[in-house]
C-alpha atoms as a PDB file:
ATOM      1  CA  MET A   1     133.116 102.386 115.618  1.00  0.00           C
ATOM      2  CA  ALA A   2     136.251 101.079 117.428  1.00  0.00           C
ATOM      3  CA  GLU A   3     139.632 102.729 116.723  1.00  0.00           C
ATOM      4  CA  ARG A   4     141.763 100.706 114.479  1.00  0.00           C
ATOM      5  CA  VAL A   5     145.443 100.343 115.309  1.00  0.00           C
ATOM      6  CA  ARG A   6     148.522  98.569 114.045  1.00  0.00           C
ATOM      7  CA  VAL A   7     150.997  96.965 116.357  1.00  0.00           C
ATOM      8  CA  ARG A   8     154.459  98.281 115.614  1.00  0.00           C
ATOM      9  CA  ALA A   9     156.618  95.746 113.760  1.00  0.00           C
ATOM     10  CA  TRP A  10     159.456  96.654 116.000  1.00  0.00           C
ATOM     11  CA  ALA A  11     162.318  94.747 117.597  1.00  0.00           C
ATOM     12  CA  PRO A  12     163.825  96.829 120.387  1.00  0.00           C
ATOM     13  CA  PRO A  13     166.967  95.709 122.116  1.00  0.00           C
ATOM     14  CA  GLY A  14     166.634  93.637 125.306  1.00  0.00           C
ATOM     15  CA  LEU A  15     164.873  90.504 126.465  1.00  0.00           C
ATOM     16  CA  HIS A  16     161.889  91.909 128.295  1.00  0.00           C
ATOM     17  CA  VAL A  17     159.467  92.957 125.619  1.00  0.00           C
ATOM     18  CA  ARG A  18     155.784  92.752 126.456  1.00  0.00           C
ATOM     19  CA  THR A  19     154.331  92.369 122.985  1.00  0.00           C
ATOM     20  CA  PRO A  20     154.143  89.003 121.256  1.00  0.00           C
ATOM     21  CA  TRP A  21     155.911  88.663 117.944  1.00  0.00           C
ATOM     22  CA  TYR A  22     152.843  87.202 116.291  1.00  0.00           C
ATOM     23  CA  LEU A  23     151.013  90.515 116.899  1.00  0.00           C
ATOM     24  CA  ARG A  24     153.641  92.775 115.566  1.00  0.00           C
ATOM     25  CA  GLY A  25     152.545  94.395 112.294  1.00  0.00           C
ATOM     26  CA  ARG A  26     148.915  93.250 112.749  1.00  0.00           C
ATOM     27  CA  VAL A  27     145.918  95.401 112.727  1.00  0.00           C
ATOM     28  CA  GLY A  28     143.262  95.289 115.528  1.00  0.00           C
ATOM     29  CA  GLU A  29     140.602  97.357 117.130  1.00  0.00           C
ATOM     30  CA  ILE A  30     140.876  98.917 120.592  1.00  0.00           C
ATOM     31  CA  GLU A  31     138.310  97.282 122.663  1.00  0.00           C
ATOM     32  CA  ARG A  32     138.896  99.514 125.717  1.00  0.00           C
ATOM     33  CA  GLU A  33     141.508 101.525 127.728  1.00  0.00           C
ATOM     34  CA  LEU A  34     142.664  99.896 130.883  1.00  0.00           C
ATOM     35  CA  GLY A  35     144.404 102.824 132.549  1.00  0.00           C
ATOM     36  CA  LEU A  36     147.891 104.097 133.204  1.00  0.00           C
ATOM     37  CA  PHE A  37     150.643 101.676 134.339  1.00  0.00           C
ATOM     38  CA  ALA A  38     154.414 101.818 134.767  1.00  0.00           C
ATOM     39  CA  ASN A  39     156.247 100.635 131.746  1.00  0.00           C
ATOM     40  CA  PRO A  40     157.248  97.056 132.415  1.00  0.00           C
ATOM     41  CA  GLU A  41     159.952  97.112 129.748  1.00  0.00           C
ATOM     42  CA  GLN A  42     161.656  99.861 131.841  1.00  0.00           C
ATOM     43  CA  LEU A  43     160.940  98.212 135.213  1.00  0.00           C
ATOM     44  CA  ALA A  44     162.568  94.984 134.080  1.00  0.00           C
ATOM     45  CA  TYR A  45     165.933  96.707 134.007  1.00  0.00           C
ATOM     46  CA  GLY A  46     165.526  98.756 137.201  1.00  0.00           C
ATOM     47  CA  LEU A  47     164.952 102.002 135.252  1.00  0.00           C
ATOM     48  CA  PRO A  48     162.603 104.808 136.269  1.00  0.00           C
ATOM     49  CA  ALA A  49     159.427 103.776 134.529  1.00  0.00           C
ATOM     50  CA  ARG A  50     157.063 106.264 132.906  1.00  0.00           C
ATOM     51  CA  LYS A  51     153.451 105.659 133.129  1.00  0.00           C
ATOM     52  CA  LEU A  52     151.908 104.507 129.808  1.00  0.00           C
ATOM     53  CA  ARG A  53     148.267 103.869 128.739  1.00  0.00           C
ATOM     54  CA  LEU A  54     147.378 100.145 128.480  1.00  0.00           C
ATOM     55  CA  TYR A  55     144.806  98.997 125.954  1.00  0.00           C
ATOM     56  CA  ARG A  56     142.979  95.892 125.302  1.00  0.00           C
ATOM     57  CA  VAL A  57     143.110  95.294 121.447  1.00  0.00           C
ATOM     58  CA  ARG A  58     140.992  92.738 119.594  1.00  0.00           C
ATOM     59  CA  PHE A  59     142.296  90.952 116.610  1.00  0.00           C
ATOM     60  CA  THR A  60     140.469  88.470 114.367  1.00  0.00           C
ATOM     61  CA  MET A  61     141.970  85.129 113.538  1.00  0.00           C
ATOM     62  CA  ALA A  62     141.788  86.041 109.876  1.00  0.00           C
ATOM     63  CA  GLU A  63     144.137  89.001 110.683  1.00  0.00           C
ATOM     64  CA  LEU A  64     146.519  86.969 112.620  1.00  0.00           C
ATOM     65  CA  TRP A  65     146.680  83.676 110.649  1.00  0.00           C
ATOM     66  CA  GLY A  66     145.214  84.574 107.180  1.00  0.00           C
ATOM     67  CA  PRO A  67     143.849  81.744 105.032  1.00  0.00           C
ATOM     68  CA  ARG A  68     145.137  79.248 107.703  1.00  0.00           C
ATOM     69  CA  ALA A  69     142.656  80.517 110.332  1.00  0.00           C
ATOM     70  CA  GLU A  70     140.286  77.675 111.137  1.00  0.00           C
ATOM     71  CA  ARG A  71     137.665  80.160 112.489  1.00  0.00           C
ATOM     72  CA  PRO A  72     138.453  83.502 110.782  1.00  0.00           C
ATOM     73  CA  ASP A  73     135.797  85.480 112.749  1.00  0.00           C
ATOM     74  CA  ASP A  74     136.986  84.313 116.135  1.00  0.00           C
ATOM     75  CA  VAL A  75     138.908  86.867 118.095  1.00  0.00           C
ATOM     76  CA  LEU A  76     142.024  87.198 120.391  1.00  0.00           C
ATOM     77  CA  GLU A  77     142.293  90.081 122.719  1.00  0.00           C
ATOM     78  CA  ALA A  78     145.689  91.202 124.010  1.00  0.00           C
ATOM     79  CA  GLU A  79     146.714  93.940 126.396  1.00  0.00           C
ATOM     80  CA  ILE A  80     149.316  96.232 124.736  1.00  0.00           C
ATOM     81  CA  PHE A  81     150.950  99.481 125.868  1.00  0.00           C
ATOM     82  CA  GLU A  82     150.358 102.560 123.892  1.00  0.00           C
ATOM     83  CA  HIS A  83     153.990 102.945 122.580  1.00  0.00           C
ATOM     84  CA  TRP A  84     153.463  99.785 120.524  1.00  0.00           C
ATOM     85  CA  LEU A  85     150.387 100.982 118.802  1.00  0.00           C
ATOM     86  CA  GLU A  86     149.987 103.157 115.683  1.00  0.00           C
ATOM     87  CA  PRO A  87     146.599 104.711 114.795  1.00  0.00           C
ATOM     88  CA  LEU A  88     145.264 103.859 111.375  1.00  0.00           C
ATOM     89  CA  ASP A  89     143.159 106.206 109.307  1.00  0.00           C
ATOM     90  CA  ASP A  90     139.963 105.019 107.507  1.00  0.00           C
ATOM     91  CA  ALA A  91     141.877 104.591 104.251  1.00  0.00           C
ATOM     92  CA  SER A  92     144.178 101.872 105.619  1.00  0.00           C
END
Protein backbone atom coordinates (compact mmCIF):
# COMPACT_ATOMS: atom_id res chain seq x y z
CA MET A 1 0.00 0.00 0.00
CA ALA A 2 1.37 3.42 -0.97
CA GLU A 3 1.92 6.03 1.71
CA ARG A 4 -0.80 8.67 1.74
CA VAL A 5 0.24 12.28 2.22
CA ARG A 6 -1.37 15.69 2.28
CA VAL A 7 0.26 18.63 0.55
CA ARG A 8 0.61 21.46 3.03
CA ALA A 9 -1.96 24.22 2.57
CA TRP A 10 0.74 26.80 3.09
CA ALA A 11 1.55 30.18 1.57
CA PRO A 12 5.16 31.01 2.42
CA PRO A 13 6.51 34.44 1.53
CA GLY A 14 8.34 34.88 -1.74
CA LEU A 15 7.66 34.37 -5.39
CA HIS A 16 9.54 31.17 -6.11
CA VAL A 17 7.37 28.40 -4.68
CA ARG A 18 7.58 25.03 -6.40
CA THR A 19 4.22 23.56 -5.33
CA PRO A 20 1.14 24.45 -7.41
CA TRP A 21 -1.76 26.11 -5.59
CA TYR A 22 -4.26 23.54 -6.86
CA LEU A 23 -2.37 20.74 -5.05
CA ARG A 24 -2.17 22.47 -1.67
CA GLY A 25 -4.35 20.77 0.93
CA ARG A 26 -4.95 17.77 -1.35
CA VAL A 27 -4.32 14.13 -0.48
CA GLY A 28 -2.26 11.88 -2.72
CA GLU A 29 -0.11 8.76 -2.60
CA ILE A 30 3.65 8.65 -2.88
CA GLU A 31 4.42 6.86 -6.12
CA ARG A 32 8.18 6.87 -5.49
CA GLU A 33 11.12 8.75 -4.02
CA LEU A 34 13.31 10.46 -6.61
CA GLY A 35 16.34 11.28 -4.45
CA LEU A 36 17.95 14.24 -2.68
CA PHE A 37 18.09 17.61 -4.41
CA ALA A 38 18.98 21.15 -3.38
CA ASN A 39 15.90 23.12 -2.33
CA PRO A 40 15.03 25.33 -5.34
CA GLU A 41 13.05 27.69 -3.10
CA GLN A 42 16.34 28.61 -1.39
CA LEU A 43 18.45 28.53 -4.55
CA ALA A 44 16.16 31.08 -6.21
CA TYR A 45 17.23 33.67 -3.65
CA GLY A 46 20.93 32.81 -3.70
CA LEU A 47 20.73 31.16 -0.28
CA PRO A 48 22.64 28.05 0.74
CA ALA A 49 20.23 25.26 -0.16
CA ARG A 50 19.77 22.21 1.98
CA LYS A 51 19.20 18.89 0.29
CA LEU A 52 15.63 17.60 0.51
CA ARG A 53 13.93 14.43 -0.65
CA LEU A 54 11.86 14.83 -3.78
CA TYR A 55 8.82 12.58 -4.24
CA ARG A 56 6.51 11.81 -7.11
CA VAL A 57 2.99 12.01 -5.68
CA ARG A 58 -0.10 10.67 -7.44
CA PHE A 59 -3.49 12.40 -7.14
CA THR A 60 -6.83 11.29 -8.57
CA MET A 61 -8.87 13.77 -10.55
CA ALA A 62 -11.68 13.18 -8.01
CA GLU A 63 -9.35 14.42 -5.23
CA LEU A 64 -8.32 17.48 -7.21
CA TRP A 65 -11.58 18.54 -8.83
CA GLY A 66 -14.32 16.77 -6.83
CA PRO A 67 -17.65 16.25 -8.61
CA ARG A 68 -16.45 18.43 -11.53
CA ALA A 69 -13.87 15.80 -12.52
CA GLU A 70 -14.73 14.52 -15.97
CA ARG A 71 -12.76 11.28 -15.41
CA PRO A 72 -12.54 10.87 -11.60
CA ASP A 73 -10.21 7.84 -11.69
CA ASP A 74 -7.59 9.42 -13.96
CA VAL A 75 -4.46 10.60 -12.17
CA LEU A 76 -2.03 13.48 -12.12
CA GLU A 77 1.52 12.96 -10.85
CA ALA A 78 3.57 15.82 -9.46
CA GLU A 79 7.08 16.06 -8.06
CA ILE A 80 6.95 17.61 -4.60
CA PHE A 81 9.68 18.24 -2.05
CA GLU A 82 9.40 16.63 1.39
CA HIS A 83 8.87 19.87 3.33
CA TRP A 84 5.53 20.28 1.54
CA LEU A 85 4.22 16.83 2.54
CA GLU A 86 2.43 15.74 5.71
CA PRO A 87 1.97 12.00 6.33
CA LEU A 88 -1.57 10.78 6.95
CA ASP A 89 -2.51 7.93 9.22
CA ASP A 90 -4.99 5.28 8.11
CA ALA A 91 -7.83 7.02 9.98
CA SER A 92 -7.58 10.17 7.82
